[in-house]
Amino acid sequence: MLAQKGDLTKEDLKNFKTEIVHQFHVISEDVIAQVKQVAEGVANVNERIDKTHQELKEEINSKTQPIAQAVTFLDGKVTALGRKVDRIHQDLKTEIQETRQEVLAAVKFSYSKK
């Protein structure tokens, strides 16, 4: 487009500068438009991730809630059974002691008659 160096005029340089600036504006507008598209895409992906995260959280809560209730219920049952086993253990221990005392007394009584 431009002639040899010696043939350049101020007008040629001004036109060249104007053309370069114009091309820069065209390219920068395209880059800005592409960056905006990428930013919109990122925002959409973020929204989808947030929505999926919330849905998964709700699904996990809905499925773990009955399990948590069952665990709480079973914990109460285990505690009650533990108390019952302790009571039965104590009752058996007492009964064994009483029976032992009765057997010892019967043995003493049987030896004293001889």
C-alpha atoms as a PDB file:
ATOM      1  CA  MET A   1       0.000   0.000   0.000  1.00  0.00           C
ATOM      2  CA  LEU A   2       2.754   2.384   0.926  1.00  0.00           C
ATOM      3  CA  ALA A   3       5.406   3.373  -1.540  1.00  0.00           C
ATOM      4  CA  GLN A   4       9.097   3.284  -0.885  1.00  0.00           C
ATOM      5  CA  LYS A   5      10.435   5.123   2.135  1.00  0.00           C
ATOM      6  CA  GLY A   6      11.519   8.162   0.260  1.00  0.00           C
ATOM      7  CA  ASP A   7       8.087   8.624  -1.321  1.00  0.00           C
ATOM      8  CA  LEU A   8       6.103   8.743   1.994  1.00  0.00           C
ATOM      9  CA  THR A   9       4.290  11.927   2.753  1.00  0.00           C
ATOM     10  CA  LYS A  10       2.835  13.150   5.990  1.00  0.00           C
ATOM     11  CA  GLU A  11      -0.572  12.372   4.563  1.00  0.00           C
ATOM     12  CA  ASP A  12       0.481   8.757   3.825  1.00  0.00           C
ATOM     13  CA  LEU A  13       1.754   8.358   7.379  1.00  0.00           C
ATOM     14  CA  LYS A  14      -1.418   9.884   8.783  1.00  0.00           C
ATOM     15  CA  ASN A  15      -3.560   7.519   6.664  1.00  0.00           C
ATOM     16  CA  PHE A  16      -1.399   4.562   7.706  1.00  0.00           C
ATOM     17  CA  LYS A  17      -1.762   5.540  11.367  1.00  0.00           C
ATOM     18  CA  THR A  18      -5.533   5.928  10.953  1.00  0.00           C
ATOM     19  CA  GLU A  19      -5.777   2.508   9.291  1.00  0.00           C
ATOM     20  CA  ILE A  20      -3.688   0.865  12.048  1.00  0.00           C
ATOM     21  CA  VAL A  21      -5.821   2.477  14.761  1.00  0.00           C
ATOM     22  CA  HIS A  22      -8.981   1.393  12.948  1.00  0.00           C
ATOM     23  CA  GLN A  23      -7.722  -2.201  12.648  1.00  0.00           C
ATOM     24  CA  PHE A  24      -6.755  -2.135  16.330  1.00  0.00           C
ATOM     25  CA  HIS A  25     -10.285  -1.008  17.275  1.00  0.00           C
ATOM     26  CA  VAL A  26     -11.866  -3.725  15.112  1.00  0.00           C
ATOM     27  CA  ILE A  27      -9.635  -6.406  16.628  1.00  0.00           C
ATOM     28  CA  SER A  28     -10.069  -5.124  20.192  1.00  0.00           C
ATOM     29  CA  GLU A  29     -13.868  -5.005  19.796  1.00  0.00           C
ATOM     30  CA  ASP A  30     -13.806  -8.634  18.616  1.00  0.00           C
ATOM     31  CA  VAL A  31     -11.584  -9.645  21.541  1.00  0.00           C
ATOM     32  CA  ILE A  32     -13.854  -7.799  23.984  1.00  0.00           C
ATOM     33  CA  ALA A  33     -16.911  -9.532  22.506  1.00  0.00           C
ATOM     34  CA  GLN A  34     -15.219 -12.924  22.854  1.00  0.00           C
ATOM     35  CA  VAL A  35     -14.187 -12.186  26.443  1.00  0.00           C
ATOM     36  CA  LYS A  36     -17.798 -11.231  27.232  1.00  0.00           C
ATOM     37  CA  GLN A  37     -18.992 -14.533  25.733  1.00  0.00           C
ATOM     38  CA  VAL A  38     -16.482 -16.455  27.845  1.00  0.00           C
ATOM     39  CA  ALA A  39     -17.556 -14.511  30.954  1.00  0.00           C
ATOM     40  CA  GLU A  40     -21.216 -15.329  30.242  1.00  0.00           C
ATOM     41  CA  GLY A  41     -20.297 -18.983  29.764  1.00  0.00           C
ATOM     42  CA  VAL A  42     -18.429 -19.035  33.058  1.00  0.00           C
ATOM     43  CA  ALA A  43     -21.384 -17.400  34.802  1.00  0.00           C
ATOM     44  CA  ASN A  44     -23.744 -19.998  33.308  1.00  0.00           C
ATOM     45  CA  VAL A  45     -21.475 -22.840  34.398  1.00  0.00           C
ATOM     46  CA  ASN A  46     -21.269 -21.346  37.906  1.00  0.00           C
ATOM     47  CA  GLU A  47     -25.056 -21.135  38.097  1.00  0.00           C
ATOM     48  CA  ARG A  48     -25.410 -24.742  36.938  1.00  0.00           C
ATOM     49  CA  ILE A  49     -22.804 -25.891  39.451  1.00  0.00           C
ATOM     50  CA  ASP A  50     -24.555 -23.991  42.258  1.00  0.00           C
ATOM     51  CA  LYS A  51     -27.926 -25.445  41.243  1.00  0.00           C
ATOM     52  CA  THR A  52     -26.496 -28.973  41.044  1.00  0.00           C
ATOM     53  CA  HIS A  53     -24.770 -28.500  44.404  1.00  0.00           C
ATOM     54  CA  GLN A  54     -28.039 -27.396  46.000  1.00  0.00           C
ATOM     55  CA  GLU A  55     -29.971 -30.295  44.431  1.00  0.00           C
ATOM     56  CA  LEU A  56     -27.377 -32.814  45.629  1.00  0.00           C
ATOM     57  CA  LYS A  57     -27.391 -31.298  49.104  1.00  0.00           C
ATOM     58  CA  GLU A  58     -31.184 -31.558  49.290  1.00  0.00           C
ATOM     59  CA  GLU A  59     -31.131 -35.133  47.991  1.00  0.00           C
ATOM     60  CA  ILE A  60     -28.474 -36.157  50.500  1.00  0.00           C
ATOM     61  CA  ASN A  61     -30.424 -34.518  53.331  1.00  0.00           C
ATOM     62  CA  SER A  62     -33.660 -36.208  52.284  1.00  0.00           C
ATOM     63  CA  LYS A  63     -31.957 -39.605  52.220  1.00  0.00           C
ATOM     64  CA  THR A  64     -29.898 -39.215  55.379  1.00  0.00           C
ATOM     65  CA  GLN A  65     -32.695 -37.750  57.512  1.00  0.00           C
ATOM     66  CA  PRO A  66     -34.517 -41.104  57.890  1.00  0.00           C
ATOM     67  CA  ILE A  67     -31.196 -42.787  58.644  1.00  0.00           C
ATOM     68  CA  ALA A  68     -30.421 -40.215  61.346  1.00  0.00           C
ATOM     69  CA  GLN A  69     -33.868 -40.751  62.870  1.00  0.00           C
ATOM     70  CA  ALA A  70     -33.378 -44.532  62.801  1.00  0.00           C
ATOM     71  CA  VAL A  71     -29.967 -44.205  64.452  1.00  0.00           C
ATOM     72  CA  THR A  72     -31.436 -42.010  67.183  1.00  0.00           C
ATOM     73  CA  PHE A  73     -34.274 -44.497  67.717  1.00  0.00           C
ATOM     74  CA  LEU A  74     -31.866 -47.454  67.800  1.00  0.00           C
ATOM     75  CA  ASP A  75     -29.564 -45.608  70.195  1.00  0.00           C
ATOM     76  CA  GLY A  76     -32.477 -45.277  72.604  1.00  0.00           C
ATOM     77  CA  LYS A  77     -33.275 -48.972  72.218  1.00  0.00           C
ATOM     78  CA  VAL A  78     -29.638 -49.990  72.793  1.00  0.00           C
ATOM     79  CA  THR A  79     -29.455 -47.810  75.896  1.00  0.00           C
ATOM     80  CA  ALA A  80     -32.673 -49.354  77.244  1.00  0.00           C
ATOM     81  CA  LEU A  81     -31.396 -52.861  76.474  1.00  0.00           C
ATOM     82  CA  GLY A  82     -28.109 -52.058  78.194  1.00  0.00           C
ATOM     83  CA  ARG A  83     -29.973 -51.013  81.336  1.00  0.00           C
ATOM     84  CA  LYS A  84     -32.118 -54.138  81.158  1.00  0.00           C
ATOM     85  CA  VAL A  85     -29.044 -56.378  80.779  1.00  0.00           C
ATOM     86  CA  ASP A  86     -27.388 -54.616  83.731  1.00  0.00           C
ATOM     87  CA  ARG A  87     -30.529 -55.132  85.846  1.00  0.00           C
ATOM     88  CA  ILE A  88     -30.794 -58.813  84.870  1.00  0.00           C
ATOM     89  CA  HIS A  89     -27.081 -59.258  85.589  1.00  0.00           C
ATOM     90  CA  GLN A  90     -27.538 -57.750  89.046  1.00  0.00           C
ATOM     91  CA  ASP A  91     -30.649 -59.874  89.695  1.00  0.00           C
ATOM     92  CA  LEU A  92     -28.793 -63.056  88.664  1.00  0.00           C
ATOM     93  CA  LYS A  93     -25.810 -62.117  90.788  1.00  0.00           C
ATOM     94  CA  THR A  94     -28.091 -61.580  93.785  1.00  0.00           C
ATOM     95  CA  GLU A  95     -29.935 -64.844  93.114  1.00  0.00           C
ATOM     96  CA  ILE A  96     -26.656 -66.760  92.791  1.00  0.00           C
ATOM     97  CA  GLN A  97     -25.442 -65.277  96.086  1.00  0.00           C
ATOM     98  CA  GLU A  98     -28.718 -66.216  97.816  1.00  0.00           C
ATOM     99  CA  THR A  99     -28.621 -69.738  96.355  1.00  0.00           C
ATOM    100  CA  ARG A 100     -24.991 -70.112  97.442  1.00  0.00           C
ATOM    101  CA  GLN A 101     -25.923 -69.059 100.946  1.00  0.00           C
ATOM    102  CA  GLU A 102     -28.815 -71.554 100.985  1.00  0.00           C
ATOM    103  CA  VAL A 103     -26.556 -74.374  99.707  1.00  0.00           C
ATOM    104  CA  LEU A 104     -23.888 -73.563 102.302  1.00  0.00           C
ATOM    105  CA  ALA A 105     -26.522 -73.495 105.019  1.00  0.00           C
ATOM    106  CA  ALA A 106     -27.933 -76.841 103.821  1.00  0.00           C
ATOM    107  CA  VAL A 107     -24.443 -78.378 103.746  1.00  0.00           C
ATOM    108  CA  LYS A 108     -23.716 -77.098 107.270  1.00  0.00           C
ATOM    109  CA  PHE A 109     -27.091 -78.391 108.442  1.00  0.00           C
ATOM    110  CA  SER A 110     -26.502 -81.820 106.881  1.00  0.00           C
ATOM    111  CA  TYR A 111     -23.073 -82.133 108.558  1.00  0.00           C
ATOM    112  CA  SER A 112     -24.397 -80.978 111.896  1.00  0.00           C
ATOM    113  CA  LYS A 113     -26.957 -83.857 112.039  1.00  0.00           C
ATOM    114  CA  LYS A 114     -24.299 -86.501 111.835  1.00  0.00           C
END
